[in-house]
Amino acid sequence: MHLALYKALRSINISDEAATAVVNEMDAHIDSRVTQATRPVLDKLDAVQGVLTAKIDAFGQVKAETEQARERRSLLTRWVVGTTIAAVAATLGILKALGLL
């Protein structure tokens, strides 16, 4: 479009400097209007990105907390199982020592 506009201005005897200035001004105007038109969309996109980032961070925290809880449960389960086995072995040992087995 720029070249066509420039050629059209030159064809009606507008000076090179004036034609270039008109084309540059049109370009700046179009850029300004596009920026104005897309600003609300970009603002919404930034807001959505912020929300997603917060949700991803929260998910990471929940995942870490869940992993810690799983480790605690696993440790507790191992401790309970180990203690139960030791108690059963001790009971059997006492029963055998007393001759009840």
Protein backbone atom coordinates (compact mmCIF):
# COMPACT_ATOMS: atom_id res chain seq x y z
CA MET A 1 0.00 0.00 0.00
CA HIS A 2 2.79 2.41 0.84
CA LEU A 3 4.37 2.20 -2.57
CA ALA A 4 1.00 2.57 -4.31
CA LEU A 5 0.14 5.63 -2.21
CA TYR A 6 3.55 7.15 -2.82
CA LYS A 7 3.26 6.58 -6.59
CA ALA A 8 -0.26 8.04 -6.63
CA LEU A 9 0.92 11.18 -4.83
CA ARG A 10 3.92 11.52 -7.13
CA SER A 11 1.65 11.08 -10.19
CA ILE A 12 -0.27 14.22 -9.22
CA ASN A 13 2.95 16.17 -8.88
CA ILE A 14 3.34 16.07 -5.10
CA SER A 15 7.00 16.54 -4.17
CA ASP A 16 9.08 13.56 -3.07
CA GLU A 17 9.46 14.96 0.47
CA ALA A 18 5.73 15.66 0.83
CA ALA A 19 4.74 12.23 -0.57
CA THR A 20 7.17 10.52 1.78
CA ALA A 21 5.82 12.53 4.72
CA VAL A 22 2.22 11.58 3.85
CA VAL A 23 3.11 7.90 3.55
CA ASN A 24 5.01 7.99 6.87
CA GLU A 25 2.12 9.77 8.59
CA MET A 26 -0.36 7.23 7.22
CA ASP A 27 1.87 4.43 8.47
CA ALA A 28 2.08 6.01 11.95
CA HIS A 29 -1.70 6.52 12.00
CA ILE A 30 -2.37 2.90 11.02
CA ASP A 31 0.07 1.67 13.70
CA SER A 32 -1.64 3.85 16.28
CA ARG A 33 -5.11 2.60 15.38
CA VAL A 34 -4.00 -1.04 15.37
CA THR A 35 -2.40 -0.53 18.79
CA GLN A 36 -5.59 1.05 20.12
CA ALA A 37 -7.71 -1.75 18.67
CA THR A 38 -5.56 -4.56 20.04
CA ARG A 39 -4.80 -3.06 23.47
CA PRO A 40 -7.93 -4.48 25.19
CA VAL A 41 -7.21 -7.94 23.79
CA LEU A 42 -3.59 -7.77 24.92
CA ASP A 43 -4.67 -6.56 28.37
CA LYS A 44 -7.08 -9.50 28.69
CA LEU A 45 -4.36 -11.86 27.51
CA ASP A 46 -1.99 -10.47 30.16
CA ALA A 47 -4.69 -10.95 32.80
CA VAL A 48 -5.30 -14.54 31.68
CA GLN A 49 -1.57 -15.20 31.73
CA GLY A 50 -1.40 -13.86 35.29
CA VAL A 51 -4.27 -16.08 36.40
CA LEU A 52 -2.73 -19.13 34.73
CA THR A 53 0.64 -18.43 36.30
CA ALA A 54 -0.98 -18.18 39.73
CA LYS A 55 -2.90 -21.42 39.19
CA ILE A 56 0.22 -23.24 37.99
CA ASP A 57 2.13 -22.00 41.03
CA ALA A 58 -0.71 -23.12 43.32
CA PHE A 59 -0.81 -26.51 41.61
CA GLY A 60 2.93 -26.90 42.14
CA GLN A 61 2.51 -26.09 45.82
CA VAL A 62 -0.36 -28.57 46.21
CA LYS A 63 1.68 -31.21 44.40
CA ALA A 64 4.65 -30.63 46.72
CA GLU A 65 2.40 -30.78 49.80
CA THR A 66 0.78 -33.98 48.52
CA GLU A 67 4.19 -35.55 47.97
CA GLN A 68 5.24 -34.61 51.51
CA ALA A 69 2.03 -36.10 52.93
CA ARG A 70 2.62 -39.28 50.92
CA GLU A 71 6.16 -39.54 52.29
CA ARG A 72 4.86 -39.07 55.86
CA ARG A 73 2.23 -41.78 55.35
CA SER A 74 4.81 -44.12 53.88
CA LEU A 75 7.17 -43.54 56.80
CA LEU A 76 4.36 -44.04 59.31
CA THR A 77 3.23 -47.24 57.58
CA ARG A 78 6.77 -48.65 57.59
CA TRP A 79 7.13 -47.76 61.27
CA VAL A 80 3.79 -49.39 62.20
CA VAL A 81 4.54 -52.54 60.20
CA GLY A 82 8.05 -52.80 61.67
CA THR A 83 6.81 -52.25 65.21
CA THR A 84 4.03 -54.83 64.75
CA ILE A 85 6.46 -57.44 63.45
CA ALA A 86 8.81 -56.76 66.37
CA ALA A 87 5.95 -57.01 68.88
CA VAL A 88 4.73 -60.30 67.38
CA ALA A 89 8.29 -61.69 67.40
CA ALA A 90 8.79 -60.62 71.01
CA THR A 91 5.46 -62.15 72.02
CA LEU A 92 6.30 -65.42 70.27
CA GLY A 93 9.74 -65.41 71.91
CA ILE A 94 8.23 -64.92 75.36
CA LEU A 95 5.61 -67.63 74.76
CA LYS A 96 8.29 -70.05 73.56
CA ALA A 97 10.53 -69.19 76.53
CA LEU A 98 7.65 -69.91 78.90
CA GLY A 99 7.00 -73.17 77.11
CA LEU A 100 3.54 -72.15 76.00
CA LEU A 101 4.36 -72.73 72.36
